[in-house]
C-alpha atoms as a PDB file:
ATOM      1  CA  MET A   1      -3.114 -80.116  -3.601  1.00  0.00           C
ATOM      2  CA  PRO A   2      -0.282 -82.872  -3.366  1.00  0.00           C
ATOM      3  CA  ASP A   3       3.396 -81.000  -2.548  1.00  0.00           C
ATOM      4  CA  GLN A   4       4.910 -79.671  -4.801  1.00  0.00           C
ATOM      5  CA  ALA A   5       8.861 -79.331  -5.894  1.00  0.00           C
ATOM      6  CA  ASP A   6      10.078 -77.324  -8.787  1.00  0.00           C
ATOM      7  CA  LEU A   7      13.669 -79.039  -9.871  1.00  0.00           C
ATOM      8  CA  SER A   8      16.267 -77.873 -11.376  1.00  0.00           C
ATOM      9  CA  ALA A   9      19.355 -79.338 -13.479  1.00  0.00           C
ATOM     10  CA  ALA A  10      22.348 -76.944 -14.602  1.00  0.00           C
ATOM     11  CA  LEU A  11      25.846 -77.854 -16.289  1.00  0.00           C
ATOM     12  CA  SER A  12      28.717 -75.762 -16.216  1.00  0.00           C
ATOM     13  CA  GLY A  13      32.145 -76.265 -16.666  1.00  0.00           C
ATOM     14  CA  LEU A  14      34.661 -76.215 -20.235  1.00  0.00           C
ATOM     15  CA  THR A  15      33.483 -76.848 -23.304  1.00  0.00           C
ATOM     16  CA  HIS A  16      37.663 -78.198 -24.634  1.00  0.00           C
ATOM     17  CA  ALA A  17      40.196 -80.108 -23.498  1.00  0.00           C
ATOM     18  CA  LEU A  18      43.387 -81.559 -24.305  1.00  0.00           C
ATOM     19  CA  ASP A  19      44.336 -84.677 -25.350  1.00  0.00           C
ATOM     20  CA  GLY A  20      45.541 -86.828 -21.725  1.00  0.00           C
ATOM     21  CA  SER A  21      44.518 -83.136 -19.976  1.00  0.00           C
ATOM     22  CA  THR A  22      41.424 -83.184 -17.431  1.00  0.00           C
ATOM     23  CA  PHE A  23      39.001 -80.942 -16.984  1.00  0.00           C
ATOM     24  CA  SER A  24      35.792 -81.116 -14.295  1.00  0.00           C
ATOM     25  CA  GLU A  25      32.346 -80.310 -15.392  1.00  0.00           C
ATOM     26  CA  THR A  26      29.236 -79.031 -12.124  1.00  0.00           C
ATOM     27  CA  LEU A  27      25.939 -80.637 -12.098  1.00  0.00           C
ATOM     28  CA  THR A  28      23.951 -77.636  -9.966  1.00  0.00           C
ATOM     29  CA  VAL A  29      20.620 -79.017  -8.504  1.00  0.00           C
ATOM     30  CA  SER A  30      17.657 -75.924  -7.669  1.00  0.00           C
ATOM     31  CA  ASN A  31      14.547 -76.252  -5.372  1.00  0.00           C
ATOM     32  CA  ALA A  32      12.423 -73.711  -6.544  1.00  0.00           C
ATOM     33  CA  GLY A  33      10.163 -75.309  -3.973  1.00  0.00           C
ATOM     34  CA  PRO A  34       7.127 -74.278  -3.397  1.00  0.00           C
ATOM     35  CA  ALA A  35       8.383 -78.037  -0.759  1.00  0.00           C
ATOM     36  CA  THR A  36      10.913 -79.440  -0.311  1.00  0.00           C
ATOM     37  CA  ALA A  37      12.026 -82.815  -2.837  1.00  0.00           C
ATOM     38  CA  THR A  38      12.908 -85.688  -1.109  1.00  0.00           C
ATOM     39  CA  ASP A  39      14.504 -88.731  -1.671  1.00  0.00           C
ATOM     40  CA  VAL A  40      16.485 -86.691  -4.801  1.00  0.00           C
ATOM     41  CA  SER A  41      18.555 -88.628  -7.577  1.00  0.00           C
ATOM     42  CA  SER A  42      20.711 -86.777  -9.639  1.00  0.00           C
ATOM     43  CA  ALA A  43      23.387 -87.060 -12.130  1.00  0.00           C
ATOM     44  CA  ILE A  44      26.367 -86.783 -14.538  1.00  0.00           C
ATOM     45  CA  THR A  45      26.308 -89.636 -18.181  1.00  0.00           C
ATOM     46  CA  VAL A  46      29.668 -90.398 -18.843  1.00  0.00           C
ATOM     47  CA  PRO A  47      31.336 -90.022 -22.463  1.00  0.00           C
ATOM     48  CA  SER A  48      33.446 -92.259 -24.184  1.00  0.00           C
ATOM     49  CA  GLN A  49      36.458 -90.916 -24.771  1.00  0.00           C
ATOM     50  CA  VAL A  50      37.299 -89.723 -21.480  1.00  0.00           C
ATOM     51  CA  THR A  51      37.930 -91.576 -18.168  1.00  0.00           C
ATOM     52  CA  VAL A  52      36.213 -90.400 -14.851  1.00  0.00           C
ATOM     53  CA  THR A  53      39.156 -89.312 -12.446  1.00  0.00           C
ATOM     54  CA  ASN A  54      37.276 -88.016  -9.481  1.00  0.00           C
ATOM     55  CA  SER A  55      33.025 -88.350  -8.832  1.00  0.00           C
ATOM     56  CA  GLY A  56      32.698 -86.162  -6.438  1.00  0.00           C
ATOM     57  CA  HIS A  57      31.035 -88.780  -4.187  1.00  0.00           C
ATOM     58  CA  GLY A  58      29.208 -90.225  -6.393  1.00  0.00           C
ATOM     59  CA  TRP A  59      28.487 -93.521  -7.584  1.00  0.00           C
ATOM     60  CA  MET A  60      29.058 -95.395 -11.066  1.00  0.00           C
ATOM     61  CA  PHE A  61      26.155 -96.820 -12.462  1.00  0.00           C
ATOM     62  CA  GLY A  62      26.144 -98.270 -15.741  1.00  0.00           C
ATOM     63  CA  GLY A  63      28.013 -95.509 -17.318  1.00  0.00           C
ATOM     64  CA  ASP A  64      26.150 -92.495 -15.001  1.00  0.00           C
ATOM     65  CA  ILE A  65      27.208 -91.394 -11.733  1.00  0.00           C
ATOM     66  CA  ILE A  66      24.345 -90.845  -9.318  1.00  0.00           C
ATOM     67  CA  TRP A  67      24.109 -88.461  -6.113  1.00  0.00           C
ATOM     68  CA  VAL A  68      21.600 -89.158  -3.702  1.00  0.00           C
ATOM     69  CA  ASP A  69      20.261 -86.741  -1.330  1.00  0.00           C
ATOM     70  CA  GLU A  70      16.988 -87.380   1.311  1.00  0.00           C
ATOM     71  CA  SER A  71      16.128 -83.891   1.247  1.00  0.00           C
ATOM     72  CA  LEU A  72      16.314 -80.362  -1.096  1.00  0.00           C
ATOM     73  CA  ALA A  73      14.836 -77.674   0.306  1.00  0.00           C
ATOM     74  CA  ALA A  74      12.836 -75.060  -1.331  1.00  0.00           C
ATOM     75  CA  GLY A  75      15.387 -72.169  -2.012  1.00  0.00           C
ATOM     76  CA  ALA A  76      18.435 -74.103  -1.684  1.00  0.00           C
ATOM     77  CA  THR A  77      20.778 -75.790  -4.179  1.00  0.00           C
ATOM     78  CA  VAL A  78      23.912 -78.552  -4.085  1.00  0.00           C
ATOM     79  CA  SER A  79      26.347 -78.812  -6.393  1.00  0.00           C
ATOM     80  CA  TYR A  80      28.074 -82.178  -7.871  1.00  0.00           C
ATOM     81  CA  THR A  81      31.559 -81.591  -9.686  1.00  0.00           C
ATOM     82  CA  VAL A  82      33.217 -84.433 -11.463  1.00  0.00           C
ATOM     83  CA  THR A  83      36.565 -84.653 -13.087  1.00  0.00           C
ATOM     84  CA  PHE A  84      37.220 -86.635 -16.159  1.00  0.00           C
ATOM     85  CA  GLU A  85      40.784 -87.123 -17.933  1.00  0.00           C
ATOM     86  CA  VAL A  86      40.387 -87.169 -22.185  1.00  0.00           C
ATOM     87  CA  ASN A  87      41.781 -90.357 -23.201  1.00  0.00           C
ATOM     88  CA  ALA A  88      44.843 -90.094 -26.104  1.00  0.00           C
ATOM     89  CA  GLU A  89      43.830 -89.525 -29.500  1.00  0.00           C
ATOM     90  CA  ALA A  90      40.450 -88.468 -28.181  1.00  0.00           C
ATOM     91  CA  ARG A  91      38.128 -86.199 -31.565  1.00  0.00           C
ATOM     92  CA  GLY A  92      35.405 -85.106 -31.568  1.00  0.00           C
ATOM     93  CA  SER A  93      32.917 -83.401 -29.653  1.00  0.00           C
ATOM     94  CA  VAL A  94      31.106 -85.654 -26.623  1.00  0.00           C
ATOM     95  CA  MET A  95      28.312 -84.603 -24.710  1.00  0.00           C
ATOM     96  CA  VAL A  96      28.141 -84.618 -21.142  1.00  0.00           C
ATOM     97  CA  ASP A  97      24.555 -85.010 -19.986  1.00  0.00           C
ATOM     98  CA  GLY A  98      23.017 -84.097 -16.757  1.00  0.00           C
ATOM     99  CA  ALA A  99      19.802 -84.917 -14.431  1.00  0.00           C
ATOM    100  CA  THR A 100      17.720 -85.079 -11.098  1.00  0.00           C
ATOM    101  CA  ILE A 101      14.400 -86.473 -10.163  1.00  0.00           C
ATOM    102  CA  SER A 102      12.230 -86.646  -6.759  1.00  0.00           C
ATOM    103  CA  GLN A 103      11.708 -89.664  -6.565  1.00  0.00           C
ATOM    104  CA  GLU A 104       8.759 -88.636  -3.818  1.00  0.00           C
ATOM    105  CA  VAL A 105       7.569 -85.120  -4.203  1.00  0.00           C
ATOM    106  CA  ASP A 106       5.835 -84.545  -7.972  1.00  0.00           C
ATOM    107  CA  ASP A 107       7.303 -81.803  -9.733  1.00  0.00           C
ATOM    108  CA  PRO A 108       5.167 -79.365 -11.730  1.00  0.00           C
ATOM    109  CA  ASN A 109       8.198 -78.807 -14.336  1.00  0.00           C
ATOM    110  CA  LEU A 110       9.770 -82.206 -16.259  1.00  0.00           C
ATOM    111  CA  ALA A 111      11.884 -79.745 -18.658  1.00  0.00           C
ATOM    112  CA  ASN A 112      13.690 -78.210 -16.620  1.00  0.00           C
ATOM    113  CA  ASN A 113      14.862 -81.380 -15.580  1.00  0.00           C
ATOM    114  CA  SER A 114      17.959 -82.670 -17.443  1.00  0.00           C
ATOM    115  CA  THR A 115      21.160 -80.388 -19.260  1.00  0.00           C
ATOM    116  CA  TRP A 116      23.958 -81.332 -21.471  1.00  0.00           C
ATOM    117  CA  ILE A 117      26.533 -79.657 -22.209  1.00  0.00           C
ATOM    118  CA  VAL A 118      29.392 -80.098 -25.472  1.00  0.00           C
ATOM    119  CA  VAL A 119      33.225 -81.020 -24.711  1.00  0.00           C
ATOM    120  CA  ARG A 120      35.362 -80.677 -28.419  1.00  0.00           C
ATOM    121  CA  LEU A 121      38.155 -83.604 -27.434  1.00  0.00           C
ATOM    122  CA  GLY A 122      41.908 -83.198 -28.605  1.00  0.00           C
ATOM    123  CA  SER A 123      41.417 -80.347 -30.880  1.00  0.00           C
ATOM    124  CA  SER A 124      42.476 -76.646 -30.830  1.00  0.00           C
ATOM    125  CA  LYS A 125      39.311 -75.197 -32.642  1.00  0.00           C
ATOM    126  CA  PRO A 126      36.635 -73.898 -30.599  1.00  0.00           C
ATOM    127  CA  PRO A 127      33.339 -75.692 -29.596  1.00  0.00           C
ATOM    128  CA  ASP A 128      31.355 -75.927 -32.749  1.00  0.00           C
ATOM    129  CA  ALA A 129      27.640 -76.687 -31.887  1.00  0.00           C
ATOM    130  CA  SER A 130      26.329 -78.182 -35.473  1.00  0.00           C
ATOM    131  CA  SER A 131      28.761 -81.033 -34.056  1.00  0.00           C
ATOM    132  CA  PRO A 132      26.335 -84.615 -34.186  1.00  0.00           C
ATOM    133  CA  ALA A 133      27.199 -84.719 -30.412  1.00  0.00           C
ATOM    134  CA  GLY A 134      25.292 -80.371 -30.770  1.00  0.00           C
ATOM    135  CA  GLU A 135      22.241 -82.253 -32.320  1.00  0.00           C
ATOM    136  CA  ARG A 136      21.717 -85.199 -30.069  1.00  0.00           C
ATOM    137  CA  SER A 137      18.080 -85.067 -28.902  1.00  0.00           C
ATOM    138  CA  ALA A 138      16.093 -84.270 -25.383  1.00  0.00           C
ATOM    139  CA  GLY A 139      15.192 -87.837 -26.199  1.00  0.00           C
ATOM    140  CA  SER A 140      18.766 -88.609 -24.440  1.00  0.00           C
ATOM    141  CA  ARG A 141      18.082 -86.706 -21.053  1.00  0.00           C
ATOM    142  CA  LYS A 142      14.450 -88.230 -20.626  1.00  0.00           C
ATOM    143  CA  GLN A 143      16.433 -91.668 -20.881  1.00  0.00           C
ATOM    144  CA  LEU A 144      19.182 -90.854 -18.678  1.00  0.00           C
ATOM    145  CA  ILE A 145      15.756 -89.789 -15.860  1.00  0.00           C
ATOM    146  CA  ARG A 146      14.642 -93.204 -16.621  1.00  0.00           C
ATOM    147  CA  LYS A 147      17.703 -94.673 -15.160  1.00  0.00           C
ATOM    148  CA  LEU A 148      17.917 -92.561 -12.454  1.00  0.00           C
ATOM    149  CA  ARG A 149      14.674 -94.295 -11.405  1.00  0.00           C
ATOM    150  CA  HIS A 150      15.503 -97.543 -12.313  1.00  0.00           C
ATOM    151  CA  ALA A 151      18.788 -97.210 -10.333  1.00  0.00           C
ATOM    152  CA  ARG A 152      17.623 -95.703  -7.234  1.00  0.00           C
ATOM    153  CA  GLY A 153      14.977 -98.891  -6.893  1.00  0.00           C
ATOM    154  CA  ARG A 154      18.369-101.324  -7.695  1.00  0.00           C
ATOM    155  CA  LYS A 155      20.217 -98.810  -4.704  1.00  0.00           C
ATOM    156  CA  ARG A 156      17.535 -99.861  -2.576  1.00  0.00           C
ATOM    157  CA  ALA A 157      16.959-103.573  -3.048  1.00  0.00           C
ATOM    158  CA  ARG A 158      20.717-104.104  -1.968  1.00  0.00           C
ATOM    159  CA  ARG A 159      20.018-102.257   1.243  1.00  0.00           C
ATOM    160  CA  SER A 160      17.444-104.281   2.167  1.00  0.00           C
ATOM    161  CA  LYS A 161      19.194-107.296   1.126  1.00  0.00           C
ATOM    162  CA  ARG A 162      22.364-106.052   3.739  1.00  0.00           C
ATOM    163  CA  ARG A 163      20.099-106.145   6.721  1.00  0.00           C
END
């Protein structure tokens, strides 16, 4: 039986932010094992109507912030926090997507590798779970995982060109 590492992703943070304010979202990646996950890529998608003010030492790739860890031991957790500033006159709800994958170790449960949180912008009303952003499909999170795989390959290619 090949090594397997069950990675999971969870997002936490504010669900409401006013014009010009800042808010942070934290992506927490956990490995339920049984093996160590190697070459772990994690990402948060930057939604429209906000600007990143602190990427938590991640690197920007298109509209995503990506982190890469050489390994994550079974039972271990790592967190990444991103700070956003709400653009002037931002309105409606946006979705922040998060995802994680191991490039080298099989994951027996890909269903828990992606997550999302809805943030209402510029209004004093609480978040509305029935808003269009709240209805976004799991397909967008699967797309983020595919982008992680693609971005990781591009980063490796850049490293090999520098050598």
